[in-house]
Amino acid sequence: MVKEVILMTDIEGLGSEGSIVKVADGYARNYLLPLQKAAPVTDATRRRLAKKRAEREEQMKQAAEAATKLANRIRNCSCTIAVKTGPEGKLYGSVGAADVLASLKEQGVELEKGQLEMPDSIRELGAYTIGVKLDAGVTSEFKVWIVEE
């Protein structure tokens, strides 16, 4: 037998959220319906799905606004990291993401290591532009100055 259901989430190989699909009765009864990945086609289900979409859009809108505000704060940041150097101006060791994140945290901006777009480590004195990937596809940049201690 075949049963028509509305998908409540995206299911690879079957369809996207909100799609009305025909599936085997056992697949619907034993997998899709108990895990709430699908629901029977009714007016109530359509309303519930519309409400869920509206809530998700609102959450995405709020996340995008928050990411934009954070991106603007990050653009105004400038980090200066003092490091020990040898007699020829060479760094002892290197400056990594953890050092940059600690410097940002002092300025009230908390990020995760995965959000930074920087080389593995910085091994020379100078100014560097570091990229940041935030939620909702928002990106930003800030300057990092590596200076002699």
C-alpha atoms as a PDB file:
ATOM      1  CA  MET A   1       0.000   0.000   0.000  1.00  0.00           C
ATOM      2  CA  VAL A   2       0.989   3.598  -0.536  1.00  0.00           C
ATOM      3  CA  LYS A   3       0.448   6.411   1.926  1.00  0.00           C
ATOM      4  CA  GLU A   4       0.673  10.165   1.394  1.00  0.00           C
ATOM      5  CA  VAL A   5       2.563  12.136   4.044  1.00  0.00           C
ATOM      6  CA  ILE A   6       3.921  15.658   4.509  1.00  0.00           C
ATOM      7  CA  LEU A   7       7.619  15.738   5.309  1.00  0.00           C
ATOM      8  CA  MET A   8       8.365  17.714   8.479  1.00  0.00           C
ATOM      9  CA  THR A   9      12.142  17.693   7.874  1.00  0.00           C
ATOM     10  CA  ASP A  10      14.414  17.301   4.869  1.00  0.00           C
ATOM     11  CA  ILE A  11      15.021  13.641   4.106  1.00  0.00           C
ATOM     12  CA  GLU A  12      17.752  12.780   1.637  1.00  0.00           C
ATOM     13  CA  GLY A  13      16.471  10.821  -1.320  1.00  0.00           C
ATOM     14  CA  LEU A  14      12.839  11.496  -0.459  1.00  0.00           C
ATOM     15  CA  GLY A  15      12.205  15.241  -0.410  1.00  0.00           C
ATOM     16  CA  SER A  16      12.444  18.516   1.421  1.00  0.00           C
ATOM     17  CA  GLU A  17      10.444  19.873   4.325  1.00  0.00           C
ATOM     18  CA  GLY A  18       6.840  20.615   3.371  1.00  0.00           C
ATOM     19  CA  SER A  19       6.798  18.226   0.412  1.00  0.00           C
ATOM     20  CA  ILE A  20       3.877  15.866   0.027  1.00  0.00           C
ATOM     21  CA  VAL A  21       5.252  12.468  -0.928  1.00  0.00           C
ATOM     22  CA  LYS A  22       3.914   8.963  -1.406  1.00  0.00           C
ATOM     23  CA  VAL A  23       5.731   6.286   0.563  1.00  0.00           C
ATOM     24  CA  ALA A  24       5.162   2.670   1.472  1.00  0.00           C
ATOM     25  CA  ASP A  25       2.689   2.233   4.302  1.00  0.00           C
ATOM     26  CA  GLY A  26       5.208   0.355   6.479  1.00  0.00           C
ATOM     27  CA  TYR A  27       7.910   3.002   5.941  1.00  0.00           C
ATOM     28  CA  ALA A  28       5.498   5.696   7.067  1.00  0.00           C
ATOM     29  CA  ARG A  29       4.053   3.723   9.975  1.00  0.00           C
ATOM     30  CA  ASN A  30       7.338   2.304  11.310  1.00  0.00           C
ATOM     31  CA  TYR A  31       9.861   5.060  10.597  1.00  0.00           C
ATOM     32  CA  LEU A  32       8.610   8.456   9.423  1.00  0.00           C
ATOM     33  CA  LEU A  33       5.604   8.924  11.712  1.00  0.00           C
ATOM     34  CA  PRO A  34       7.111   7.653  15.019  1.00  0.00           C
ATOM     35  CA  LEU A  35      10.225   9.820  14.552  1.00  0.00           C
ATOM     36  CA  GLN A  36       8.035  12.783  13.554  1.00  0.00           C
ATOM     37  CA  LYS A  37       9.897  13.184  10.284  1.00  0.00           C
ATOM     38  CA  ALA A  38       6.529  13.166   8.522  1.00  0.00           C
ATOM     39  CA  ALA A  39       2.868  13.574   9.328  1.00  0.00           C
ATOM     40  CA  PRO A  40      -0.383  12.550   7.638  1.00  0.00           C
ATOM     41  CA  VAL A  41      -1.728  15.018   5.081  1.00  0.00           C
ATOM     42  CA  THR A  42      -4.343  17.087   6.949  1.00  0.00           C
ATOM     43  CA  ASP A  43      -5.221  20.747   7.298  1.00  0.00           C
ATOM     44  CA  ALA A  44      -3.893  20.733  10.864  1.00  0.00           C
ATOM     45  CA  THR A  45      -0.545  19.375   9.657  1.00  0.00           C
ATOM     46  CA  ARG A  46      -0.324  22.062   6.991  1.00  0.00           C
ATOM     47  CA  ARG A  47      -0.976  24.766   9.602  1.00  0.00           C
ATOM     48  CA  ARG A  48       1.606  23.266  11.963  1.00  0.00           C
ATOM     49  CA  LEU A  49       4.159  23.195   9.169  1.00  0.00           C
ATOM     50  CA  ALA A  50       3.404  26.818   8.216  1.00  0.00           C
ATOM     51  CA  LYS A  51       3.825  27.852  11.868  1.00  0.00           C
ATOM     52  CA  LYS A  52       7.114  25.951  12.090  1.00  0.00           C
ATOM     53  CA  ARG A  53       8.414  27.673   8.937  1.00  0.00           C
ATOM     54  CA  ALA A  54       7.420  31.113  10.261  1.00  0.00           C
ATOM     55  CA  GLU A  55       9.213  30.430  13.558  1.00  0.00           C
ATOM     56  CA  ARG A  56      12.342  29.232  11.733  1.00  0.00           C
ATOM     57  CA  GLU A  57      12.351  32.324   9.492  1.00  0.00           C
ATOM     58  CA  GLU A  58      12.064  34.566  12.555  1.00  0.00           C
ATOM     59  CA  GLN A  59      14.953  32.743  14.245  1.00  0.00           C
ATOM     60  CA  MET A  60      17.072  33.055  11.099  1.00  0.00           C
ATOM     61  CA  LYS A  61      16.265  36.767  10.884  1.00  0.00           C
ATOM     62  CA  GLN A  62      17.277  37.318  14.523  1.00  0.00           C
ATOM     63  CA  ALA A  63      20.485  35.289  14.047  1.00  0.00           C
ATOM     64  CA  ALA A  64      21.383  37.354  10.973  1.00  0.00           C
ATOM     65  CA  GLU A  65      20.805  40.620  12.879  1.00  0.00           C
ATOM     66  CA  ALA A  66      22.936  39.438  15.798  1.00  0.00           C
ATOM     67  CA  ALA A  67      25.699  38.289  13.431  1.00  0.00           C
ATOM     68  CA  THR A  68      25.664  41.651  11.643  1.00  0.00           C
ATOM     69  CA  LYS A  69      25.992  43.517  14.957  1.00  0.00           C
ATOM     70  CA  LEU A  70      28.877  41.267  15.991  1.00  0.00           C
ATOM     71  CA  ALA A  71      30.543  41.748  12.592  1.00  0.00           C
ATOM     72  CA  ASN A  72      30.420  45.520  13.065  1.00  0.00           C
ATOM     73  CA  ARG A  73      31.988  45.187  16.536  1.00  0.00           C
ATOM     74  CA  ILE A  74      34.715  42.957  15.121  1.00  0.00           C
ATOM     75  CA  ARG A  75      35.529  45.448  12.329  1.00  0.00           C
ATOM     76  CA  ASN A  76      36.240  48.043  15.013  1.00  0.00           C
ATOM     77  CA  CYS A  77      38.626  45.718  16.883  1.00  0.00           C
ATOM     78  CA  SER A  78      42.375  45.876  16.558  1.00  0.00           C
ATOM     79  CA  CYS A  79      44.536  43.423  18.471  1.00  0.00           C
ATOM     80  CA  THR A  80      48.127  44.042  19.465  1.00  0.00           C
ATOM     81  CA  ILE A  81      50.026  40.978  20.583  1.00  0.00           C
ATOM     82  CA  ALA A  82      53.474  41.438  22.106  1.00  0.00           C
ATOM     83  CA  VAL A  83      55.838  38.499  21.670  1.00  0.00           C
ATOM     84  CA  LYS A  84      59.398  37.720  22.586  1.00  0.00           C
ATOM     85  CA  THR A  85      61.856  37.888  19.730  1.00  0.00           C
ATOM     86  CA  GLY A  86      65.431  36.926  19.151  1.00  0.00           C
ATOM     87  CA  PRO A  87      68.288  39.264  18.300  1.00  0.00           C
ATOM     88  CA  GLU A  88      67.394  39.251  14.597  1.00  0.00           C
ATOM     89  CA  GLY A  89      63.709  40.016  15.152  1.00  0.00           C
ATOM     90  CA  LYS A  90      62.626  36.383  14.780  1.00  0.00           C
ATOM     91  CA  LEU A  91      59.786  35.173  16.985  1.00  0.00           C
ATOM     92  CA  TYR A  92      60.383  32.572  19.649  1.00  0.00           C
ATOM     93  CA  GLY A  93      57.572  30.228  18.693  1.00  0.00           C
ATOM     94  CA  SER A  94      54.505  31.570  16.906  1.00  0.00           C
ATOM     95  CA  VAL A  95      51.200  33.350  17.381  1.00  0.00           C
ATOM     96  CA  GLY A  96      48.210  31.071  16.889  1.00  0.00           C
ATOM     97  CA  ALA A  97      44.452  31.267  16.932  1.00  0.00           C
ATOM     98  CA  ALA A  98      44.331  30.864  20.717  1.00  0.00           C
ATOM     99  CA  ASP A  99      46.444  34.004  21.192  1.00  0.00           C
ATOM    100  CA  VAL A 100      44.244  35.996  18.824  1.00  0.00           C
ATOM    101  CA  LEU A 101      41.066  34.746  20.519  1.00  0.00           C
ATOM    102  CA  ALA A 102      42.441  35.685  23.947  1.00  0.00           C
ATOM    103  CA  SER A 103      43.211  39.195  22.695  1.00  0.00           C
ATOM    104  CA  LEU A 104      39.701  39.525  21.268  1.00  0.00           C
ATOM    105  CA  LYS A 105      38.182  38.247  24.503  1.00  0.00           C
ATOM    106  CA  GLU A 106      39.908  41.085  26.388  1.00  0.00           C
ATOM    107  CA  GLN A 107      37.975  43.472  24.116  1.00  0.00           C
ATOM    108  CA  GLY A 108      34.662  41.733  24.879  1.00  0.00           C
ATOM    109  CA  VAL A 109      34.346  39.726  21.671  1.00  0.00           C
ATOM    110  CA  GLU A 110      34.072  35.973  22.107  1.00  0.00           C
ATOM    111  CA  LEU A 111      34.581  33.757  19.075  1.00  0.00           C
ATOM    112  CA  GLU A 112      35.432  30.133  18.447  1.00  0.00           C
ATOM    113  CA  LYS A 113      38.598  28.919  16.794  1.00  0.00           C
ATOM    114  CA  GLY A 114      36.701  27.580  13.782  1.00  0.00           C
ATOM    115  CA  GLN A 115      35.308  31.027  13.011  1.00  0.00           C
ATOM    116  CA  LEU A 116      38.753  32.536  12.395  1.00  0.00           C
ATOM    117  CA  GLU A 117      40.184  32.469   8.887  1.00  0.00           C
ATOM    118  CA  MET A 118      43.888  32.746   9.487  1.00  0.00           C
ATOM    119  CA  PRO A 119      47.068  30.849   8.676  1.00  0.00           C
ATOM    120  CA  ASP A 120      47.967  28.020  11.035  1.00  0.00           C
ATOM    121  CA  SER A 121      50.340  30.304  12.894  1.00  0.00           C
ATOM    122  CA  ILE A 122      52.006  33.666  12.496  1.00  0.00           C
ATOM    123  CA  ARG A 123      55.802  33.529  12.694  1.00  0.00           C
ATOM    124  CA  GLU A 124      56.843  37.086  11.836  1.00  0.00           C
ATOM    125  CA  LEU A 125      56.347  40.577  13.211  1.00  0.00           C
ATOM    126  CA  GLY A 126      53.921  42.793  11.342  1.00  0.00           C
ATOM    127  CA  ALA A 127      50.273  43.565  10.686  1.00  0.00           C
ATOM    128  CA  TYR A 128      47.852  40.864   9.565  1.00  0.00           C
ATOM    129  CA  THR A 129      44.231  40.951   8.464  1.00  0.00           C
ATOM    130  CA  ILE A 130      42.245  38.092   9.959  1.00  0.00           C
ATOM    131  CA  GLY A 131      38.884  37.065   8.517  1.00  0.00           C
ATOM    132  CA  VAL A 132      35.958  35.876  10.611  1.00  0.00           C
ATOM    133  CA  LYS A 133      33.023  33.719   9.472  1.00  0.00           C
ATOM    134  CA  LEU A 134      29.880  34.243  11.510  1.00  0.00           C
ATOM    135  CA  ASP A 135      26.425  32.678  11.368  1.00  0.00           C
ATOM    136  CA  ALA A 136      24.024  33.374   8.507  1.00  0.00           C
ATOM    137  CA  GLY A 137      26.858  33.828   6.011  1.00  0.00           C
ATOM    138  CA  VAL A 138      28.070  37.075   7.596  1.00  0.00           C
ATOM    139  CA  THR A 139      31.814  37.728   7.419  1.00  0.00           C
ATOM    140  CA  SER A 140      34.085  40.338   8.928  1.00  0.00           C
ATOM    141  CA  GLU A 141      37.763  41.252   9.259  1.00  0.00           C
ATOM    142  CA  PHE A 142      40.027  42.825  11.864  1.00  0.00           C
ATOM    143  CA  LYS A 143      43.686  43.760  12.173  1.00  0.00           C
ATOM    144  CA  VAL A 144      46.224  41.950  14.321  1.00  0.00           C
ATOM    145  CA  TRP A 145      49.521  43.645  15.076  1.00  0.00           C
ATOM    146  CA  ILE A 146      52.399  41.403  16.128  1.00  0.00           C
ATOM    147  CA  VAL A 147      54.964  43.569  17.927  1.00  0.00           C
ATOM    148  CA  GLU A 148      58.213  42.991  19.804  1.00  0.00           C
ATOM    149  CA  GLU A 149      57.900  42.725  23.576  1.00  0.00           C
END
